[in-house]
Amino acid sequence: MTGPATGPVSPDPRMGPSGLRGALAEAGRFAHVAELVPWRGALADDAGARVRALAADLAADGRFTALSITDSAGGHAMLSPEVLASQLTDAGQEVIVH
């Protein structure tokens, strides 16, 4: 993956309905989901910038149907996943918080 993403990627028209719901509903189609783990600290700190850049790269990749954000991975308090999720959904990505 190279360079920063500029926004959501248009789905391949051969893949049928777009988005996670379409991928889950269509027989023989896979939903590819990448998991992101929040960090300790603010959204604008260095760790936040790295995760946001990774999320943008994954979203622009085109192979991923949705991005998943773990809440308190390993039982450790981290940045609220809703903070990152709201930023990703504002950029047009489908997000799962768990």
PDB file of N, CA and C in Angstrom:
ATOM      1  N   MET A   1       0.841  -1.173   0.000  1.00  0.00           N
ATOM      2  CA  MET A   1       0.000   0.000   0.000  1.00  0.00           C
ATOM      3  C   MET A   1       0.886   1.235   0.000  1.00  0.00           C
ATOM      4  N   THR A   2       0.586   2.156  -0.871  1.00  0.00           N
ATOM      5  CA  THR A   2       1.434   3.329  -0.981  1.00  0.00           C
ATOM      6  C   THR A   2       0.604   4.585  -0.967  1.00  0.00           C
ATOM      7  N   GLY A   3       1.181   5.645  -0.407  1.00  0.00           N
ATOM      8  CA  GLY A   3       0.565   6.957  -0.427  1.00  0.00           C
ATOM      9  C   GLY A   3      -0.703   7.055   0.391  1.00  0.00           C
ATOM     10  N   PRO A   4      -1.065   8.252   0.797  1.00  0.00           N
ATOM     11  CA  PRO A   4      -2.277   8.441   1.587  1.00  0.00           C
ATOM     12  C   PRO A   4      -3.527   8.303   0.730  1.00  0.00           C
ATOM     13  N   ALA A   5      -4.581   7.825   1.351  1.00  0.00           N
ATOM     14  CA  ALA A   5      -5.864   7.695   0.653  1.00  0.00           C
ATOM     15  C   ALA A   5      -6.543   9.045   0.593  1.00  0.00           C
ATOM     16  N   THR A   6      -7.278   9.281  -0.461  1.00  0.00           N
ATOM     17  CA  THR A   6      -7.983  10.542  -0.598  1.00  0.00           C
ATOM     18  C   THR A   6      -9.471  10.396  -0.362  1.00  0.00           C
ATOM     19  N   GLY A   7      -9.956   9.190  -0.150  1.00  0.00           N
ATOM     20  CA  GLY A   7     -11.376   8.974   0.100  1.00  0.00           C
ATOM     21  C   GLY A   7     -11.753   7.544  -0.173  1.00  0.00           C
ATOM     22  N   PRO A   8     -13.039   7.236  -0.047  1.00  0.00           N
ATOM     23  CA  PRO A   8     -13.473   5.863  -0.267  1.00  0.00           C
ATOM     24  C   PRO A   8     -13.264   5.420  -1.716  1.00  0.00           C
ATOM     25  N   VAL A   9     -13.009   4.153  -1.869  1.00  0.00           N
ATOM     26  CA  VAL A   9     -12.791   3.570  -3.188  1.00  0.00           C
ATOM     27  C   VAL A   9     -14.126   3.087  -3.744  1.00  0.00           C
ATOM     28  N   SER A  10     -14.379   3.343  -5.014  1.00  0.00           N
ATOM     29  CA  SER A  10     -15.613   2.858  -5.637  1.00  0.00           C
ATOM     30  C   SER A  10     -15.557   1.343  -5.749  1.00  0.00           C
ATOM     31  N   PRO A  11     -16.651   0.661  -5.421  1.00  0.00           N
ATOM     32  CA  PRO A  11     -16.640  -0.796  -5.507  1.00  0.00           C
ATOM     33  C   PRO A  11     -16.566  -1.268  -6.956  1.00  0.00           C
ATOM     34  N   ASP A  12     -16.030  -2.451  -7.139  1.00  0.00           N
ATOM     35  CA  ASP A  12     -15.960  -3.080  -8.452  1.00  0.00           C
ATOM     36  C   ASP A  12     -17.390  -3.442  -8.860  1.00  0.00           C
ATOM     37  N   PRO A  13     -17.908  -2.932  -9.982  1.00  0.00           N
ATOM     38  CA  PRO A  13     -19.297  -3.204 -10.363  1.00  0.00           C
ATOM     39  C   PRO A  13     -19.580  -4.685 -10.581  1.00  0.00           C
ATOM     40  N   ARG A  14     -18.560  -5.484 -10.841  1.00  0.00           N
ATOM     41  CA  ARG A  14     -18.770  -6.925 -11.016  1.00  0.00           C
ATOM     42  C   ARG A  14     -19.042  -7.625  -9.697  1.00  0.00           C
ATOM     43  N   MET A  15     -18.803  -6.940  -8.590  1.00  0.00           N
ATOM     44  CA  MET A  15     -18.942  -7.555  -7.276  1.00  0.00           C
ATOM     45  C   MET A  15     -20.367  -7.457  -6.721  1.00  0.00           C
ATOM     46  N   GLY A  16     -21.296  -6.895  -7.456  1.00  0.00           N
ATOM     47  CA  GLY A  16     -22.676  -6.807  -6.990  1.00  0.00           C
ATOM     48  C   GLY A  16     -22.863  -5.657  -6.022  1.00  0.00           C
ATOM     49  N   PRO A  17     -23.887  -5.776  -5.117  1.00  0.00           N
ATOM     50  CA  PRO A  17     -24.158  -4.685  -4.179  1.00  0.00           C
ATOM     51  C   PRO A  17     -22.913  -4.367  -3.353  1.00  0.00           C
ATOM     52  N   SER A  18     -22.693  -3.083  -3.138  1.00  0.00           N
ATOM     53  CA  SER A  18     -21.503  -2.685  -2.399  1.00  0.00           C
ATOM     54  C   SER A  18     -21.714  -2.776  -0.902  1.00  0.00           C
ATOM     55  N   GLY A  19     -20.642  -2.695  -0.193  1.00  0.00           N
ATOM     56  CA  GLY A  19     -20.692  -2.632   1.250  1.00  0.00           C
ATOM     57  C   GLY A  19     -20.733  -3.988   1.923  1.00  0.00           C
ATOM     58  N   LEU A  20     -20.651  -3.924   3.241  1.00  0.00           N
ATOM     59  CA  LEU A  20     -20.617  -5.129   4.049  1.00  0.00           C
ATOM     60  C   LEU A  20     -21.900  -5.941   3.916  1.00  0.00           C
ATOM     61  N   ARG A  21     -23.022  -5.280   3.938  1.00  0.00           N
ATOM     62  CA  ARG A  21     -24.313  -5.990   3.814  1.00  0.00           C
ATOM     63  C   ARG A  21     -24.380  -6.767   2.501  1.00  0.00           C
ATOM     64  N   GLY A  22     -23.955  -6.158   1.414  1.00  0.00           N
ATOM     65  CA  GLY A  22     -23.971  -6.836   0.116  1.00  0.00           C
ATOM     66  C   GLY A  22     -23.028  -8.022   0.081  1.00  0.00           C
ATOM     67  N   ALA A  23     -21.830  -7.867   0.682  1.00  0.00           N
ATOM     68  CA  ALA A  23     -20.863  -8.960   0.708  1.00  0.00           C
ATOM     69  C   ALA A  23     -21.368 -10.135   1.527  1.00  0.00           C
ATOM     70  N   LEU A  24     -22.049  -9.844   2.622  1.00  0.00           N
ATOM     71  CA  LEU A  24     -22.567 -10.915   3.474  1.00  0.00           C
ATOM     72  C   LEU A  24     -23.787 -11.594   2.863  1.00  0.00           C
ATOM     73  N   ALA A  25     -24.551 -10.869   2.063  1.00  0.00           N
ATOM     74  CA  ALA A  25     -25.786 -11.410   1.506  1.00  0.00           C
ATOM     75  C   ALA A  25     -25.575 -12.237   0.237  1.00  0.00           C
ATOM     76  N   GLU A  26     -24.499 -11.989  -0.471  1.00  0.00           N
ATOM     77  CA  GLU A  26     -24.288 -12.637  -1.766  1.00  0.00           C
ATOM     78  C   GLU A  26     -23.529 -13.955  -1.613  1.00  0.00           C
ATOM     79  N   ALA A  27     -24.146 -15.039  -2.064  1.00  0.00           N
ATOM     80  CA  ALA A  27     -23.508 -16.365  -1.989  1.00  0.00           C
ATOM     81  C   ALA A  27     -22.202 -16.364  -2.778  1.00  0.00           C
ATOM     82  N   GLY A  28     -21.175 -16.960  -2.226  1.00  0.00           N
ATOM     83  CA  GLY A  28     -19.902 -17.071  -2.900  1.00  0.00           C
ATOM     84  C   GLY A  28     -19.027 -15.843  -2.824  1.00  0.00           C
ATOM     85  N   ARG A  29     -19.487 -14.822  -2.135  1.00  0.00           N
ATOM     86  CA  ARG A  29     -18.711 -13.590  -1.998  1.00  0.00           C
ATOM     87  C   ARG A  29     -18.187 -13.491  -0.573  1.00  0.00           C
ATOM     88  N   PHE A  30     -16.992 -12.985  -0.419  1.00  0.00           N
ATOM     89  CA  PHE A  30     -16.377 -12.860   0.890  1.00  0.00           C
ATOM     90  C   PHE A  30     -16.377 -11.411   1.351  1.00  0.00           C
ATOM     91  N   ALA A  31     -16.512 -11.226   2.654  1.00  0.00           N
ATOM     92  CA  ALA A  31     -16.343  -9.909   3.256  1.00  0.00           C
ATOM     93  C   ALA A  31     -14.958  -9.888   3.883  1.00  0.00           C
ATOM     94  N   HIS A  32     -14.123  -9.006   3.417  1.00  0.00           N
ATOM     95  CA  HIS A  32     -12.780  -8.863   3.978  1.00  0.00           C
ATOM     96  C   HIS A  32     -12.794  -7.671   4.929  1.00  0.00           C
ATOM     97  N   VAL A  33     -12.459  -7.942   6.190  1.00  0.00           N
ATOM     98  CA  VAL A  33     -12.491  -6.917   7.230  1.00  0.00           C
ATOM     99  C   VAL A  33     -11.108  -6.821   7.861  1.00  0.00           C
ATOM    100  N   ALA A  34     -10.595  -5.618   7.994  1.00  0.00           N
ATOM    101  CA  ALA A  34      -9.307  -5.387   8.654  1.00  0.00           C
ATOM    102  C   ALA A  34      -9.573  -4.833  10.043  1.00  0.00           C
ATOM    103  N   GLU A  35      -8.840  -5.341  11.034  1.00  0.00           N
ATOM    104  CA  GLU A  35      -9.033  -4.915  12.416  1.00  0.00           C
ATOM    105  C   GLU A  35      -8.010  -3.842  12.790  1.00  0.00           C
ATOM    106  N   LEU A  36      -8.499  -2.782  13.393  1.00  0.00           N
ATOM    107  CA  LEU A  36      -7.654  -1.712  13.909  1.00  0.00           C
ATOM    108  C   LEU A  36      -7.785  -1.695  15.433  1.00  0.00           C
ATOM    109  N   VAL A  37      -6.688  -1.457  16.128  1.00  0.00           N
ATOM    110  CA  VAL A  37      -6.704  -1.392  17.590  1.00  0.00           C
ATOM    111  C   VAL A  37      -6.379   0.037  18.005  1.00  0.00           C
ATOM    112  N   PRO A  38      -7.296   0.681  18.760  1.00  0.00           N
ATOM    113  CA  PRO A  38      -7.014   2.040  19.232  1.00  0.00           C
ATOM    114  C   PRO A  38      -5.774   2.072  20.133  1.00  0.00           C
ATOM    115  N   TRP A  39      -5.279   3.237  20.395  1.00  0.00           N
ATOM    116  CA  TRP A  39      -4.048   3.459  21.128  1.00  0.00           C
ATOM    117  C   TRP A  39      -4.343   4.300  22.353  1.00  0.00           C
ATOM    118  N   ARG A  40      -3.357   4.423  23.216  1.00  0.00           N
ATOM    119  CA  ARG A  40      -3.466   5.347  24.346  1.00  0.00           C
ATOM    120  C   ARG A  40      -3.075   6.726  23.842  1.00  0.00           C
ATOM    121  N   GLY A  41      -3.867   7.710  24.157  1.00  0.00           N
ATOM    122  CA  GLY A  41      -3.515   9.071  23.765  1.00  0.00           C
ATOM    123  C   GLY A  41      -4.598   9.726  22.931  1.00  0.00           C
ATOM    124  N   ALA A  42      -4.254  10.872  22.404  1.00  0.00           N
ATOM    125  CA  ALA A  42      -5.201  11.692  21.643  1.00  0.00           C
ATOM    126  C   ALA A  42      -5.252  11.269  20.177  1.00  0.00           C
ATOM    127  N   LEU A  43      -6.334  11.647  19.525  1.00  0.00           N
ATOM    128  CA  LEU A  43      -6.514  11.324  18.105  1.00  0.00           C
ATOM    129  C   LEU A  43      -5.412  11.946  17.255  1.00  0.00           C
ATOM    130  N   ALA A  44      -4.894  13.109  17.668  1.00  0.00           N
ATOM    131  CA  ALA A  44      -3.917  13.840  16.854  1.00  0.00           C
ATOM    132  C   ALA A  44      -2.462  13.515  17.189  1.00  0.00           C
ATOM    133  N   ASP A  45      -2.192  12.625  18.160  1.00  0.00           N
ATOM    134  CA  ASP A  45      -0.792  12.341  18.489  1.00  0.00           C
ATOM    135  C   ASP A  45      -0.158  11.428  17.437  1.00  0.00           C
ATOM    136  N   ASP A  46       1.132  11.116  17.606  1.00  0.00           N
ATOM    137  CA  ASP A  46       1.856  10.317  16.603  1.00  0.00           C
ATOM    138  C   ASP A  46       1.235   8.940  16.387  1.00  0.00           C
ATOM    139  N   ALA A  47       0.857   8.269  17.491  1.00  0.00           N
ATOM    140  CA  ALA A  47       0.237   6.940  17.363  1.00  0.00           C
ATOM    141  C   ALA A  47      -1.076   7.048  16.606  1.00  0.00           C
ATOM    142  N   GLY A  48      -1.846   8.076  16.898  1.00  0.00           N
ATOM    143  CA  GLY A  48      -3.109   8.291  16.196  1.00  0.00           C
ATOM    144  C   GLY A  48      -2.910   8.547  14.723  1.00  0.00           C
ATOM    145  N   ALA A  49      -1.899   9.327  14.400  1.00  0.00           N
ATOM    146  CA  ALA A  49      -1.608   9.612  12.986  1.00  0.00           C
ATOM    147  C   ALA A  49      -1.239   8.335  12.246  1.00  0.00           C
ATOM    148  N   ARG A  50      -0.475   7.444  12.897  1.00  0.00           N
ATOM    149  CA  ARG A  50      -0.087   6.179  12.249  1.00  0.00           C
ATOM    150  C   ARG A  50      -1.308   5.290  11.993  1.00  0.00           C
ATOM    151  N   VAL A  51      -2.194   5.162  12.990  1.00  0.00           N
ATOM    152  CA  VAL A  51      -3.379   4.315  12.819  1.00  0.00           C
ATOM    153  C   VAL A  51      -4.321   4.918  11.791  1.00  0.00           C
ATOM    154  N   ARG A  52      -4.495   6.242  11.806  1.00  0.00           N
ATOM    155  CA  ARG A  52      -5.364   6.882  10.812  1.00  0.00           C
ATOM    156  C   ARG A  52      -4.797   6.716   9.408  1.00  0.00           C
ATOM    157  N   ALA A  53      -3.468   6.804   9.258  1.00  0.00           N
ATOM    158  CA  ALA A  53      -2.849   6.596   7.945  1.00  0.00           C
ATOM    159  C   ALA A  53      -3.033   5.153   7.489  1.00  0.00           C
ATOM    160  N   LEU A  54      -2.870   4.203   8.416  1.00  0.00           N
ATOM    161  CA  LEU A  54      -3.088   2.795   8.078  1.00  0.00           C
ATOM    162  C   LEU A  54      -4.541   2.576   7.665  1.00  0.00           C
ATOM    163  N   ALA A  55      -5.485   3.162   8.397  1.00  0.00           N
ATOM    164  CA  ALA A  55      -6.901   3.025   8.060  1.00  0.00           C
ATOM    165  C   ALA A  55      -7.183   3.592   6.668  1.00  0.00           C
ATOM    166  N   ALA A  56      -6.591   4.723   6.345  1.00  0.00           N
ATOM    167  CA  ALA A  56      -6.783   5.321   5.018  1.00  0.00           C
ATOM    168  C   ALA A  56      -6.212   4.415   3.933  1.00  0.00           C
ATOM    169  N   ASP A  57      -5.033   3.833   4.194  1.00  0.00           N
ATOM    170  CA  ASP A  57      -4.430   2.916   3.219  1.00  0.00           C
ATOM    171  C   ASP A  57      -5.301   1.676   3.021  1.00  0.00           C
ATOM    172  N   LEU A  58      -5.820   1.109   4.116  1.00  0.00           N
ATOM    173  CA  LEU A  58      -6.672  -0.076   4.013  1.00  0.00           C
ATOM    174  C   LEU A  58      -7.962   0.242   3.258  1.00  0.00           C
ATOM    175  N   ALA A  59      -8.542   1.406   3.539  1.00  0.00           N
ATOM    176  CA  ALA A  59      -9.775   1.803   2.859  1.00  0.00           C
ATOM    177  C   ALA A  59      -9.542   2.001   1.363  1.00  0.00           C
ATOM    178  N   ALA A  60      -8.394   2.542   1.008  1.00  0.00           N
ATOM    179  CA  ALA A  60      -8.087   2.794  -0.400  1.00  0.00           C
ATOM    180  C   ALA A  60      -7.666   1.525  -1.135  1.00  0.00           C
ATOM    181  N   ASP A  61      -7.304   0.503  -0.394  1.00  0.00           N
ATOM    182  CA  ASP A  61      -6.805  -0.737  -0.984  1.00  0.00           C
ATOM    183  C   ASP A  61      -7.831  -1.388  -1.896  1.00  0.00           C
ATOM    184  N   GLY A  62      -9.104  -1.313  -1.576  1.00  0.00           N
ATOM    185  CA  GLY A  62     -10.144  -1.892  -2.424  1.00  0.00           C
ATOM    186  C   GLY A  62     -10.475  -3.335  -2.120  1.00  0.00           C
ATOM    187  N   ARG A  63      -9.616  -4.041  -1.402  1.00  0.00           N
ATOM    188  CA  ARG A  63      -9.890  -5.440  -1.057  1.00  0.00           C
ATOM    189  C   ARG A  63     -10.694  -5.572   0.226  1.00  0.00           C
ATOM    190  N   PHE A  64     -10.792  -4.502   1.004  1.00  0.00           N
ATOM    191  CA  PHE A  64     -11.448  -4.573   2.306  1.00  0.00           C
ATOM    192  C   PHE A  64     -12.863  -4.023   2.239  1.00  0.00           C
ATOM    193  N   THR A  65     -13.792  -4.805   2.773  1.00  0.00           N
ATOM    194  CA  THR A  65     -15.201  -4.436   2.766  1.00  0.00           C
ATOM    195  C   THR A  65     -15.517  -3.483   3.903  1.00  0.00           C
ATOM    196  N   ALA A  66     -14.870  -3.676   5.050  1.00  0.00           N
ATOM    197  CA  ALA A  66     -15.123  -2.847   6.231  1.00  0.00           C
ATOM    198  C   ALA A  66     -13.870  -2.826   7.096  1.00  0.00           C
ATOM    199  N   LEU A  67     -13.841  -1.867   8.012  1.00  0.00           N
ATOM    200  CA  LEU A  67     -12.778  -1.784   8.999  1.00  0.00           C
ATOM    201  C   LEU A  67     -13.400  -2.054  10.367  1.00  0.00           C
ATOM    202  N   SER A  68     -12.723  -2.851  11.169  1.00  0.00           N
ATOM    203  CA  SER A  68     -13.199  -3.226  12.495  1.00  0.00           C
ATOM    204  C   SER A  68     -12.315  -2.547  13.532  1.00  0.00           C
ATOM    205  N   ILE A  69     -12.919  -1.988  14.579  1.00  0.00           N
ATOM    206  CA  ILE A  69     -12.166  -1.320  15.631  1.00  0.00           C
ATOM    207  C   ILE A  69     -12.459  -2.024  16.949  1.00  0.00           C
ATOM    208  N   THR A  70     -11.405  -2.528  17.590  1.00  0.00           N
ATOM    209  CA  THR A  70     -11.536  -3.242  18.848  1.00  0.00           C
ATOM    210  C   THR A  70     -11.668  -2.258  20.006  1.00  0.00           C
ATOM    211  N   ASP A  71     -12.587  -2.532  20.910  1.00  0.00           N
ATOM    212  CA  ASP A  71     -12.764  -1.716  22.106  1.00  0.00           C
ATOM    213  C   ASP A  71     -12.014  -2.375  23.255  1.00  0.00           C
ATOM    214  N   SER A  72     -11.054  -1.666  23.837  1.00  0.00           N
ATOM    215  CA  SER A  72     -10.270  -2.138  24.989  1.00  0.00           C
ATOM    216  C   SER A  72      -9.602  -3.488  24.725  1.00  0.00           C
ATOM    217  N   ALA A  73      -8.827  -3.582  23.670  1.00  0.00           N
ATOM    218  CA  ALA A  73      -8.124  -4.821  23.318  1.00  0.00           C
ATOM    219  C   ALA A  73      -7.271  -5.282  24.490  1.00  0.00           C
ATOM    220  N   GLY A  74      -7.359  -6.544  24.817  1.00  0.00           N
ATOM    221  CA  GLY A  74      -6.581  -7.112  25.911  1.00  0.00           C
ATOM    222  C   GLY A  74      -6.991  -6.602  27.274  1.00  0.00           C
ATOM    223  N   GLY A  75      -8.134  -5.950  27.360  1.00  0.00           N
ATOM    224  CA  GLY A  75      -8.603  -5.417  28.635  1.00  0.00           C
ATOM    225  C   GLY A  75      -7.912  -4.134  29.058  1.00  0.00           C
ATOM    226  N   HIS A  76      -7.198  -3.491  28.129  1.00  0.00           N
ATOM    227  CA  HIS A  76      -6.486  -2.256  28.443  1.00  0.00           C
ATOM    228  C   HIS A  76      -7.286  -1.064  27.926  1.00  0.00           C
ATOM    229  N   ALA A  77      -7.489  -0.093  28.785  1.00  0.00           N
ATOM    230  CA  ALA A  77      -8.228   1.110  28.384  1.00  0.00           C
ATOM    231  C   ALA A  77      -7.437   1.864  27.326  1.00  0.00           C
ATOM    232  N   MET A  78      -8.083   2.190  26.238  1.00  0.00           N
ATOM    233  CA  MET A  78      -7.459   2.906  25.120  1.00  0.00           C
ATOM    234  C   MET A  78      -8.379   4.046  24.698  1.00  0.00           C
ATOM    235  N   LEU A  79      -8.020   4.701  23.617  1.00  0.00           N
ATOM    236  CA  LEU A  79      -8.869   5.728  23.030  1.00  0.00           C
ATOM    237  C   LEU A  79     -10.224   5.109  22.709  1.00  0.00           C
ATOM    238  N   SER A  80     -11.288   5.824  22.952  1.00  0.00           N
ATOM    239  CA  SER A  80     -12.621   5.314  22.646  1.00  0.00           C
ATOM    240  C   SER A  80     -12.714   4.967  21.164  1.00  0.00           C
ATOM    241  N   PRO A  81     -13.172   3.749  20.830  1.00  0.00           N
ATOM    242  CA  PRO A  81     -13.250   3.373  19.415  1.00  0.00           C
ATOM    243  C   PRO A  81     -14.231   4.244  18.634  1.00  0.00           C
ATOM    244  N   GLU A  82     -15.186   4.846  19.325  1.00  0.00           N
ATOM    245  CA  GLU A  82     -16.162   5.697  18.635  1.00  0.00           C
ATOM    246  C   GLU A  82     -15.498   6.932  18.035  1.00  0.00           C
ATOM    247  N   VAL A  83     -14.417   7.409  18.656  1.00  0.00           N
ATOM    248  CA  VAL A  83     -13.702   8.575  18.129  1.00  0.00           C
ATOM    249  C   VAL A  83     -13.131   8.251  16.751  1.00  0.00           C
ATOM    250  N   LEU A  84     -12.417   7.139  16.651  1.00  0.00           N
ATOM    251  CA  LEU A  84     -11.852   6.724  15.365  1.00  0.00           C
ATOM    252  C   LEU A  84     -12.946   6.318  14.385  1.00  0.00           C
ATOM    253  N   ALA A  85     -13.959   5.617  14.883  1.00  0.00           N
ATOM    254  CA  ALA A  85     -15.052   5.166  14.019  1.00  0.00           C
ATOM    255  C   ALA A  85     -15.782   6.340  13.372  1.00  0.00           C
ATOM    256  N   SER A  86     -16.030   7.393  14.132  1.00  0.00           N
ATOM    257  CA  SER A  86     -16.749   8.539  13.557  1.00  0.00           C
ATOM    258  C   SER A  86     -15.930   9.194  12.462  1.00  0.00           C
ATOM    259  N   GLN A  87     -14.620   9.251  12.645  1.00  0.00           N
ATOM    260  CA  GLN A  87     -13.770   9.837  11.606  1.00  0.00           C
ATOM    261  C   GLN A  87     -13.767   8.975  10.341  1.00  0.00           C
ATOM    262  N   LEU A  88     -13.723   7.649  10.513  1.00  0.00           N
ATOM    263  CA  LEU A  88     -13.717   6.752   9.359  1.00  0.00           C
ATOM    264  C   LEU A  88     -15.067   6.745   8.640  1.00  0.00           C
ATOM    265  N   THR A  89     -16.171   6.767   9.381  1.00  0.00           N
ATOM    266  CA  THR A  89     -17.480   6.790   8.725  1.00  0.00           C
ATOM    267  C   THR A  89     -17.700   8.115   8.002  1.00  0.00           C
ATOM    268  N   ASP A  90     -17.164   9.206   8.565  1.00  0.00           N
ATOM    269  CA  ASP A  90     -17.254  10.494   7.875  1.00  0.00           C
ATOM    270  C   ASP A  90     -16.522  10.458   6.538  1.00  0.00           C
ATOM    271  N   ALA A  91     -15.504   9.575   6.431  1.00  0.00           N
ATOM    272  CA  ALA A  91     -14.749   9.421   5.182  1.00  0.00           C
ATOM    273  C   ALA A  91     -15.398   8.396   4.250  1.00  0.00           C
ATOM    274  N   GLY A  92     -16.590   7.865   4.636  1.00  0.00           N
ATOM    275  CA  GLY A  92     -17.326   6.961   3.759  1.00  0.00           C
ATOM    276  C   GLY A  92     -17.040   5.487   3.957  1.00  0.00           C
ATOM    277  N   GLN A  93     -16.359   5.112   5.040  1.00  0.00           N
ATOM    278  CA  GLN A  93     -16.036   3.712   5.277  1.00  0.00           C
ATOM    279  C   GLN A  93     -17.090   3.043   6.139  1.00  0.00           C
ATOM    280  N   GLU A  94     -17.286   1.756   5.924  1.00  0.00           N
ATOM    281  CA  GLU A  94     -18.129   0.968   6.805  1.00  0.00           C
ATOM    282  C   GLU A  94     -17.254   0.534   7.972  1.00  0.00           C
ATOM    283  N   VAL A  95     -17.769   0.704   9.194  1.00  0.00           N
ATOM    284  CA  VAL A  95     -16.976   0.445  10.390  1.00  0.00           C
ATOM    285  C   VAL A  95     -17.769  -0.438  11.342  1.00  0.00           C
ATOM    286  N   ILE A  96     -17.068  -1.393  11.942  1.00  0.00           N
ATOM    287  CA  ILE A  96     -17.638  -2.274  12.960  1.00  0.00           C
ATOM    288  C   ILE A  96     -16.872  -1.989  14.241  1.00  0.00           C
ATOM    289  N   VAL A  97     -17.546  -1.650  15.343  1.00  0.00           N
ATOM    290  CA  VAL A  97     -16.904  -1.482  16.627  1.00  0.00           C
ATOM    291  C   VAL A  97     -17.269  -2.684  17.469  1.00  0.00           C
ATOM    292  N   HIS A  98     -16.263  -3.347  18.031  1.00  0.00           N
ATOM    293  CA  HIS A  98     -16.537  -4.515  18.864  1.00  0.00           C
ATOM    294  C   HIS A  98     -15.637  -4.522  20.084  1.00  0.00           C
TER     295      HIS A  98
END
